[in-house]
Every structure is written in C-alpha cells, then in structure tokens.
Amino acid sequence: MNRFERQYILPGFGQASQQKLLDAKVLVVGAGGLGCPALLYLSAAGIGTIGIVDGDHVSVSNLNRQVLFGHEDLGKNKASTATKIISAKYPDLKINVISEFLRTDNILSILQEYDLIVDGSDNFPTRYLVNDACVLLGKPLVFGAIYQNEGQVAIFNTKGKTSANYRDIYPVAPAPEEVPNCNETGVLGVLPGTIGTMMANETIKLLTGYGETLSDKMLFYNLLNHASYQVELSKNPDSEKHRPQSAEALLQMDYSDFCGFSSQINWQEATTLLKTKDQSILIDVRAADELPQLVSLEFTRIALDQIEVRKNELSTYQNVLLFCQTGIRSLKAAKILQRQFRDKNILSIEGGILKYYGDLE
C-alpha cells in the first residue's frame, strides 16, 4: 500500500477507496491517443485488474500522442506492447492483453469479465458496438473523444436502462466522410493526453464514490482557451429502435454497414483486384503535394475536388479503388462516384496510405 499513500491520506478517500481500486476490473478499449494516458494513470492509481484490447499496430504517426510507445515499438501490436510496458512499471497489477479488435462475436464475452469499460476508440463502428454491448450487459461506460482542439468526456449507463447512453445523443452515426479523424485534421498530442487523463479520473471517482462524476453528463473542453462546460444528458425515446435489444440481435448487426463503411476494402484486397489491370484502376484523391507518396503501385491522381469533373475517365473500369491519407476523403469520393456508376465496384481503401505504410513497418 505504500506507493498509494498519497492517495489514501486524502480526506474522504482513505484506504477503503484504495481497496476498491485494487479490487476493480477495468477494460480499456484502444491503446491509442486516449487509451495510453488513461492506462498510465489507471495503473499508477492501483486498479487491480486492467484489460487492454486493441488489434492495431504502432506506426510512426502515432508517436506524438500515444505516449506509451517509442520508435522501438513500431510495427508491434499496441495491446501487447502496452501490457509489457505497464507490467514492467507495476508488476503487482494483473494486466490482461487482448490483441484483437472487438467484434460482434467476441465483445460480450470480453466485456462481461470487467466492472467498468473505458472507451478510447477512434471510430464510430467501435463506439456504437461498445455502447450497445455495455447497455446489454449493464456495464458503466467512460467515454472520451477528440476533434481538432476540442475534447469530450462522459459517463454512460451507470443506472442501467434509466441512464443515458451514447445512442441517446447520437441515435445513428454520421456519414464517415463527414467526420474526419485526427490524421486528416491534425491534433496536438496534449489534447488526447488531457482527455485521456480526465477519463482515468472519472473512472477512479466512479469506482470509489469519491467526488462528483460525469454520470449522465458530458464535459466539453477547448485546449486553446481552456474553456469548458457541461451538459446534462437524458434518455432519447428515438434511440431504442436503433439499438440491438438482445445478444442475438447484436451478433447479427453489421456495425460497419450501419456506420457507412460497407464500401471499404483493405490494401491486401485492393492489391489482388489491381492484378486485373484492364478492369481495375487505383486513384489517389489527395492533393499532389501530400506526403507520403505511393511508390510501389501504379495509380492515377484525381483530387477529390476534381472527381465530379473527371468521372468519365473512369467509365471503362469495373473496379475503381480510391485512397487518400486515412480513408475519409476517399469514402467521400466513393459516394460521389457510386451515384454515377451504380453497376461498378467503387471502393475506398480503409486507412488510406498511412495504413499501407503502417502495415509495412
């Protein structure tokens, strides 16, 4: 207990609260920009059992904000690497590594082992999947998100069906091309660090009853001027019809399709299609000066703002494969072309060129 002395001597906290942390089981979804700082402070605070779930691998573009990792970790699985680092710092804690992505067929069995879920994911399919599973299992969910210079923190589902959940705010997902991620819009690493630390704080308070939590509230924080405000969350009667009401319904739900990602393929699938050169074409929809450049595959550059004008250049191809930096602009281009060419395979490459080079590292 000595390393936790500065915590349990706090008035109103005490050794009883520290014991609650030691007895707690917390799952952190995503060891990325939000998950890394949350993991650092949750483990330092003495959470007895921490699960880390992430199927992604460390890439060089992660390093400005995913503070658990360094250059020596490039290409390694994030969950496994985070587990090794935290276990070395705090060998007395139990760390469960789940080095895969959450899916409809594994999420319930994974989440049911934990008391509380911390969602540090960065994409809508995972956010909705985690939310829906937490509602079905009755698990409280600590949520965080960032966009450019702003962040959000909330706690959902603390009182079961009488408590607000993510779908009460956003019953359905926005179109993916309308919501760029930090690879498209940029982010200062201190923002996910700040929001991730707030998520750890809310987790500790919720587990111990220490202080006032953000249960059924959402905090908005602006990094540039430190402005912040809270809004009260309430149940939305419209949300229930969009959420799966049973484990069987969740298993059958296609979250990628629900969130508008059904027109995506990965680089391996794209490379296979491109072998039929007379039927397939690869299009870079970025501006000419954007880096990195693709050097290993033949492609044509048609910037997003030229797609509508130059669409007839693609009329002879059956498979039109589009990529950009991270897959957001290429999805937007795919939507434009799908309206014109309903009989063709218009596909956006998931993760864009950063995913391509990340897989090579």
Protein backbone atom coordinates (compact mmCIF):
# COMPACT_ATOMS: atom_id res chain seq x y z
CA MET A 1 0.00 0.00 0.00
CA ASN A 2 2.96 2.40 0.47
CA ARG A 3 3.05 3.61 -3.12
CA PHE A 4 -0.59 4.65 -2.81
CA GLU A 5 -0.11 6.60 0.43
CA ARG A 6 -0.55 9.99 -1.22
CA GLN A 7 -3.96 8.82 -2.43
CA TYR A 8 -5.41 7.25 0.69
CA ILE A 9 -4.38 10.09 3.01
CA LEU A 10 -6.69 12.37 1.01
CA PRO A 11 -9.65 13.42 3.18
CA GLY A 12 -12.67 11.39 2.12
CA PHE A 13 -10.64 8.87 0.12
CA GLY A 14 -8.89 6.60 2.59
CA GLN A 15 -7.72 3.01 2.44
CA ALA A 16 -11.27 1.79 1.79
CA SER A 17 -11.32 3.62 -1.54
CA GLN A 18 -7.87 2.35 -2.38
CA GLN A 19 -9.06 -1.19 -1.74
CA LYS A 20 -11.96 -0.62 -4.13
CA LEU A 21 -9.44 0.26 -6.84
CA LEU A 22 -7.35 -2.81 -6.10
CA ASP A 23 -10.47 -4.99 -6.32
CA ALA A 24 -11.70 -3.38 -9.55
CA LYS A 25 -11.55 -4.84 -13.04
CA VAL A 26 -11.40 -2.22 -15.80
CA LEU A 27 -11.27 -2.79 -19.57
CA VAL A 28 -9.66 -0.09 -21.73
CA VAL A 29 -10.78 -0.23 -25.37
CA GLY A 30 -7.99 1.10 -27.58
CA ALA A 31 -4.38 1.73 -26.60
CA GLY A 32 -4.20 4.90 -28.69
CA GLY A 33 -4.16 8.62 -28.01
CA LEU A 34 -6.87 8.40 -25.33
CA GLY A 35 -6.10 4.91 -24.08
CA CYS A 36 -2.39 5.47 -23.42
CA PRO A 37 -2.74 8.28 -20.85
CA ALA A 38 -5.77 6.58 -19.31
CA LEU A 39 -3.77 3.37 -18.91
CA LEU A 40 -0.81 5.19 -17.37
CA TYR A 41 -2.90 6.81 -14.65
CA LEU A 42 -5.24 3.88 -14.02
CA SER A 43 -2.30 1.56 -13.47
CA ALA A 44 -0.47 4.13 -11.34
CA ALA A 45 -3.62 4.57 -9.23
CA GLY A 46 -3.66 0.86 -8.44
CA ILE A 47 -6.52 -0.63 -10.47
CA GLY A 48 -6.08 -4.30 -9.61
CA THR A 49 -7.03 -5.79 -12.98
CA ILE A 50 -6.79 -3.94 -16.29
CA GLY A 51 -7.73 -5.37 -19.67
CA ILE A 52 -6.30 -3.79 -22.82
CA VAL A 53 -7.99 -4.56 -26.13
CA ASP A 54 -6.55 -3.34 -29.43
CA GLY A 55 -5.80 -5.14 -32.69
CA ASP A 56 -3.87 -2.25 -34.21
CA HIS A 57 -0.09 -1.86 -34.55
CA VAL A 58 2.15 1.05 -33.65
CA SER A 59 3.02 3.37 -36.55
CA VAL A 60 5.31 6.39 -36.60
CA SER A 61 2.37 8.81 -36.91
CA ASN A 62 1.09 7.59 -33.53
CA LEU A 63 4.11 8.71 -31.55
CA ASN A 64 3.18 12.37 -30.96
CA ARG A 65 0.21 11.37 -28.80
CA GLN A 66 0.38 7.65 -27.92
CA VAL A 67 2.85 8.22 -25.12
CA LEU A 68 3.37 4.61 -24.08
CA PHE A 69 5.24 3.85 -27.31
CA GLY A 70 8.58 4.73 -28.91
CA HIS A 71 10.41 4.07 -32.17
CA GLU A 72 11.48 0.66 -30.90
CA ASP A 73 7.80 -0.36 -30.83
CA LEU A 74 6.97 0.40 -34.49
CA GLY A 75 5.04 -2.45 -36.08
CA LYS A 76 4.20 -4.09 -32.74
CA ASN A 77 0.69 -4.77 -31.52
CA LYS A 78 -0.48 -1.92 -29.30
CA ALA A 79 -2.23 -4.02 -26.66
CA SER A 80 0.70 -6.40 -26.24
CA THR A 81 3.25 -3.58 -26.13
CA ALA A 82 1.23 -1.52 -23.64
CA THR A 83 0.86 -4.59 -21.44
CA LYS A 84 4.62 -5.19 -21.34
CA ILE A 85 5.36 -1.55 -20.50
CA ILE A 86 2.76 -1.29 -17.74
CA SER A 87 3.64 -4.69 -16.28
CA ALA A 88 7.29 -3.63 -16.06
CA LYS A 89 6.30 -0.48 -14.13
CA TYR A 90 3.74 -2.15 -11.87
CA PRO A 91 4.39 -5.90 -11.67
CA ASP A 92 1.85 -6.34 -8.87
CA LEU A 93 -1.08 -5.48 -11.15
CA LYS A 94 -2.89 -8.02 -13.31
CA ILE A 95 -2.91 -6.94 -16.96
CA ASN A 96 -4.97 -8.90 -19.49
CA VAL A 97 -3.91 -8.44 -23.10
CA ILE A 98 -6.47 -8.84 -25.89
CA SER A 99 -4.54 -8.22 -29.10
CA GLU A 100 -7.51 -8.20 -31.45
CA PHE A 101 -10.27 -5.83 -32.47
CA LEU A 102 -13.68 -6.01 -30.84
CA ARG A 103 -16.34 -7.68 -32.99
CA THR A 104 -19.94 -8.66 -32.53
CA ASP A 105 -18.88 -12.28 -31.93
CA ASN A 106 -16.33 -11.57 -29.18
CA ILE A 107 -17.36 -8.37 -27.42
CA LEU A 108 -19.88 -9.75 -24.93
CA SER A 109 -17.58 -12.48 -23.66
CA ILE A 110 -14.74 -9.97 -23.28
CA LEU A 111 -16.71 -7.18 -21.60
CA GLN A 112 -18.59 -9.37 -19.15
CA GLU A 113 -15.37 -10.05 -17.20
CA TYR A 114 -15.00 -6.38 -16.19
CA ASP A 115 -16.73 -3.97 -13.81
CA LEU A 116 -16.32 -0.87 -15.96
CA ILE A 117 -15.41 -0.10 -19.57
CA VAL A 118 -13.25 2.82 -20.75
CA ASP A 119 -13.78 3.57 -24.45
CA GLY A 120 -10.73 5.18 -26.03
CA SER A 121 -11.61 4.08 -29.57
CA ASP A 122 -11.40 6.49 -32.50
CA ASN A 123 -14.06 5.23 -34.92
CA PHE A 124 -17.83 5.09 -34.96
CA PRO A 125 -18.36 1.35 -35.55
CA THR A 126 -16.39 0.54 -32.39
CA ARG A 127 -18.07 3.28 -30.34
CA TYR A 128 -21.55 2.04 -31.21
CA LEU A 129 -20.57 -1.60 -30.72
CA VAL A 130 -19.07 -0.90 -27.28
CA ASN A 131 -22.03 1.22 -26.25
CA ASP A 132 -24.61 -1.36 -27.30
CA ALA A 133 -22.73 -4.18 -25.57
CA CYS A 134 -22.44 -2.15 -22.36
CA VAL A 135 -26.19 -1.49 -22.36
CA LEU A 136 -26.95 -5.19 -22.87
CA LEU A 137 -24.55 -6.21 -20.09
CA GLY A 138 -25.39 -3.35 -17.72
CA LYS A 139 -21.79 -2.09 -17.66
CA PRO A 140 -20.95 1.57 -16.94
CA LEU A 141 -19.03 3.20 -19.78
CA VAL A 142 -16.50 6.04 -19.54
CA PHE A 143 -16.39 7.77 -22.92
CA GLY A 144 -13.92 10.20 -24.47
CA ALA A 145 -13.48 11.76 -27.90
CA ILE A 146 -11.41 14.50 -29.54
CA TYR A 147 -11.71 16.68 -32.62
CA GLN A 148 -9.01 19.19 -33.56
CA ASN A 149 -8.68 21.37 -30.42
CA GLU A 150 -11.74 20.13 -28.53
CA GLY A 151 -12.47 17.09 -26.42
CA GLN A 152 -15.46 15.42 -24.76
CA VAL A 153 -15.76 13.20 -21.69
CA ALA A 154 -18.91 11.49 -20.40
CA ILE A 155 -20.10 8.54 -18.34
CA PHE A 156 -22.92 6.44 -19.76
CA ASN A 157 -25.09 3.62 -18.49
CA THR A 158 -24.44 3.93 -14.75
CA LYS A 159 -28.03 3.14 -13.83
CA GLY A 160 -28.93 0.62 -16.49
CA LYS A 161 -31.83 1.47 -18.79
CA THR A 162 -32.73 4.61 -16.81
CA SER A 163 -29.31 6.12 -17.58
CA ALA A 164 -28.26 7.84 -20.80
CA ASN A 165 -26.05 6.03 -23.29
CA TYR A 166 -24.21 7.09 -26.44
CA ARG A 167 -27.22 6.45 -28.68
CA ASP A 168 -29.31 8.88 -26.66
CA ILE A 169 -27.04 11.62 -28.04
CA TYR A 170 -26.34 10.13 -31.47
CA PRO A 171 -29.01 7.51 -32.31
CA VAL A 172 -27.35 6.87 -35.68
CA ALA A 173 -23.85 7.51 -36.95
CA PRO A 174 -22.98 10.41 -39.25
CA ALA A 175 -21.64 9.53 -42.66
CA PRO A 176 -17.95 8.62 -42.22
CA GLU A 177 -16.79 11.07 -44.87
CA GLU A 178 -18.37 13.88 -42.83
CA VAL A 179 -16.29 13.21 -39.71
CA PRO A 180 -12.54 13.36 -40.38
CA ASN A 181 -10.20 11.86 -37.79
CA CYS A 182 -7.03 13.34 -36.31
CA ASN A 183 -4.93 12.01 -39.21
CA GLU A 184 -6.97 14.20 -41.56
CA THR A 185 -7.45 17.29 -39.38
CA GLY A 186 -4.42 17.16 -37.08
CA VAL A 187 -4.14 17.09 -33.30
CA LEU A 188 -1.74 18.33 -30.64
CA GLY A 189 -0.71 15.35 -28.55
CA VAL A 190 -1.56 17.14 -25.32
CA LEU A 191 -5.30 17.11 -26.15
CA PRO A 192 -5.78 13.32 -26.09
CA GLY A 193 -3.40 13.34 -23.13
CA THR A 194 -5.70 15.75 -21.30
CA ILE A 195 -8.93 13.97 -22.24
CA GLY A 196 -7.47 10.52 -21.55
CA THR A 197 -6.38 11.67 -18.10
CA MET A 198 -9.88 13.04 -17.46
CA MET A 199 -11.27 9.62 -18.43
CA ALA A 200 -8.97 7.98 -15.88
CA ASN A 201 -10.13 10.50 -13.27
CA GLU A 202 -13.80 9.73 -13.94
CA THR A 203 -13.06 6.00 -13.74
CA ILE A 204 -11.39 6.36 -10.35
CA LYS A 205 -14.21 8.53 -8.98
CA LEU A 206 -16.90 6.19 -10.28
CA LEU A 207 -15.24 3.12 -8.74
CA THR A 208 -14.66 4.73 -5.36
CA GLY A 209 -17.56 7.17 -4.99
CA TYR A 210 -15.03 9.95 -4.43
CA GLY A 211 -16.28 13.30 -5.71
CA GLU A 212 -18.93 14.08 -8.30
CA THR A 213 -18.77 12.16 -11.56
CA LEU A 214 -19.92 12.95 -15.09
CA SER A 215 -22.64 10.31 -14.91
CA ASP A 216 -25.38 11.37 -17.34
CA LYS A 217 -23.34 14.45 -18.22
CA MET A 218 -20.91 15.38 -20.97
CA LEU A 219 -17.96 17.71 -20.45
CA PHE A 220 -16.69 19.77 -23.38
CA TYR A 221 -13.14 21.12 -23.18
CA ASN A 222 -11.28 23.51 -25.51
CA LEU A 223 -7.50 23.20 -25.49
CA LEU A 224 -6.81 26.66 -26.92
CA ASN A 225 -8.51 28.77 -24.27
CA HIS A 226 -9.28 26.18 -21.54
CA ALA A 227 -12.99 26.92 -21.86
CA SER A 228 -15.18 24.09 -20.61
CA TYR A 229 -18.83 23.45 -19.99
CA GLN A 230 -21.11 20.55 -19.10
CA VAL A 231 -24.46 19.46 -20.49
CA GLU A 232 -26.99 17.18 -18.82
CA LEU A 233 -27.82 14.01 -20.75
CA SER A 234 -31.23 12.36 -20.76
CA LYS A 235 -32.91 9.40 -22.42
CA ASN A 236 -33.92 9.80 -26.06
CA PRO A 237 -37.07 7.77 -26.88
CA ASP A 238 -35.94 7.51 -30.50
CA SER A 239 -32.67 5.75 -29.64
CA GLU A 240 -34.07 2.36 -28.60
CA LYS A 241 -35.27 1.39 -32.06
CA HIS A 242 -31.72 1.68 -33.38
CA ARG A 243 -30.05 -0.37 -30.64
CA PRO A 244 -29.98 -4.20 -30.65
CA GLN A 245 -32.20 -5.48 -27.84
CA SER A 246 -30.54 -8.86 -27.35
CA ALA A 247 -27.22 -10.65 -27.71
CA GLU A 248 -28.57 -12.41 -30.79
CA ALA A 249 -29.55 -9.11 -32.40
CA LEU A 250 -26.13 -7.62 -31.65
CA LEU A 251 -24.42 -10.64 -33.23
CA GLN A 252 -26.39 -10.13 -36.44
CA MET A 253 -25.74 -6.39 -36.67
CA ASP A 254 -23.20 -5.10 -39.20
CA TYR A 255 -21.70 -2.06 -37.49
CA SER A 256 -19.51 -1.17 -40.47
CA ASP A 257 -22.56 -1.06 -42.70
CA PHE A 258 -24.59 0.81 -40.06
CA CYS A 259 -21.88 3.47 -39.89
CA GLY A 260 -21.49 3.71 -43.65
CA PHE A 261 -18.24 1.77 -44.03
CA SER A 262 -19.59 -1.02 -46.26
CA SER A 263 -17.82 0.41 -49.34
CA GLN A 264 -14.36 -0.22 -47.90
CA ILE A 265 -11.67 -2.79 -48.64
CA ASN A 266 -8.20 -3.25 -47.22
CA TRP A 267 -4.89 -2.90 -49.06
CA GLN A 268 -4.43 -6.64 -49.47
CA GLU A 269 -7.82 -6.96 -51.18
CA ALA A 270 -7.08 -3.90 -53.31
CA THR A 271 -3.74 -5.32 -54.46
CA THR A 272 -5.48 -8.51 -55.57
CA LEU A 273 -8.09 -6.58 -57.58
CA LEU A 274 -5.41 -4.44 -59.23
CA LYS A 275 -3.90 -7.53 -60.85
CA THR A 276 -6.74 -7.31 -63.38
CA LYS A 277 -5.29 -4.13 -64.92
CA ASP A 278 -7.79 -3.84 -67.74
CA GLN A 279 -10.69 -3.88 -65.25
CA SER A 280 -9.27 -2.02 -62.24
CA ILE A 281 -7.79 1.40 -61.55
CA LEU A 282 -6.26 2.89 -58.41
CA ILE A 283 -6.99 6.58 -57.72
CA ASP A 284 -5.24 8.90 -55.26
CA VAL A 285 -7.75 11.60 -54.31
CA ARG A 286 -5.24 13.70 -52.34
CA ALA A 287 -3.59 16.92 -53.46
CA ALA A 288 -0.37 16.50 -55.44
CA ASP A 289 1.89 17.79 -52.65
CA GLU A 290 0.63 15.49 -49.89
CA LEU A 291 3.05 13.00 -48.35
CA PRO A 292 3.86 10.18 -48.22
CA GLN A 293 3.69 9.25 -51.87
CA LEU A 294 2.80 5.76 -53.03
CA VAL A 295 5.75 4.36 -54.98
CA SER A 296 5.09 0.62 -55.19
CA LEU A 297 1.76 0.60 -57.05
CA GLU A 298 0.65 2.28 -60.26
CA PHE A 299 -2.05 4.88 -59.67
CA THR A 300 -3.78 7.89 -61.20
CA ARG A 301 -4.20 11.14 -59.28
CA ILE A 302 -7.62 12.76 -59.34
CA ALA A 303 -8.01 15.11 -56.39
CA LEU A 304 -11.30 14.98 -54.52
CA ASP A 305 -12.42 18.35 -55.84
CA GLN A 306 -11.91 17.04 -59.41
CA ILE A 307 -13.74 13.72 -59.03
CA GLU A 308 -17.08 15.02 -60.28
CA VAL A 309 -15.49 16.78 -63.27
CA ARG A 310 -13.25 13.88 -64.33
CA LYS A 311 -15.55 10.95 -63.52
CA ASN A 312 -15.94 9.96 -67.18
CA GLU A 313 -12.25 8.98 -67.27
CA LEU A 314 -13.22 6.01 -65.08
CA SER A 315 -16.14 4.73 -67.15
CA THR A 316 -14.22 1.83 -68.75
CA TYR A 317 -13.19 0.24 -65.44
CA GLN A 318 -15.23 -2.25 -63.43
CA ASN A 319 -13.27 -1.74 -60.19
CA VAL A 320 -12.43 1.81 -59.09
CA LEU A 321 -10.25 1.78 -55.97
CA LEU A 322 -9.74 5.06 -54.14
CA PHE A 323 -7.30 6.07 -51.43
CA CYS A 324 -6.27 9.20 -49.53
CA GLN A 325 -4.37 9.86 -46.32
CA THR A 326 -6.59 7.87 -43.94
CA GLY A 327 -9.66 6.78 -45.89
CA ILE A 328 -12.01 9.68 -45.12
CA ARG A 329 -11.76 11.68 -48.35
CA SER A 330 -11.70 8.51 -50.44
CA LEU A 331 -15.02 7.50 -48.86
CA LYS A 332 -16.45 10.85 -49.88
CA ALA A 333 -15.14 10.32 -53.42
CA ALA A 334 -16.66 6.82 -53.45
CA LYS A 335 -20.08 8.23 -52.57
CA ILE A 336 -19.86 10.69 -55.46
CA LEU A 337 -18.88 8.00 -57.98
CA GLN A 338 -21.42 5.47 -56.70
CA ARG A 339 -24.22 7.84 -57.68
CA GLN A 340 -22.82 7.94 -61.23
CA PHE A 341 -21.73 4.31 -61.68
CA ARG A 342 -24.25 2.03 -59.97
CA ASP A 343 -23.07 -1.06 -61.86
CA LYS A 344 -19.39 -0.75 -60.86
CA ASN A 345 -17.39 -1.61 -57.75
CA ILE A 346 -16.47 1.78 -56.30
CA LEU A 347 -14.35 1.06 -53.24
CA SER A 348 -12.47 3.14 -50.69
CA ILE A 349 -9.28 1.65 -49.22
CA GLU A 350 -9.57 1.53 -45.45
CA GLY A 351 -6.98 3.52 -43.51
CA GLY A 352 -5.52 5.18 -46.59
CA ILE A 353 -1.83 5.45 -47.34
CA LEU A 354 -0.93 5.76 -43.65
CA LYS A 355 -2.40 2.30 -43.13
CA TYR A 356 -0.43 1.00 -46.13
CA TYR A 357 2.91 2.16 -44.77
CA GLY A 358 1.92 1.32 -41.20
CA ASP A 359 1.41 -2.31 -42.21
CA LEU A 360 4.89 -2.35 -43.79
CA GLU A 361 6.63 -1.08 -40.63
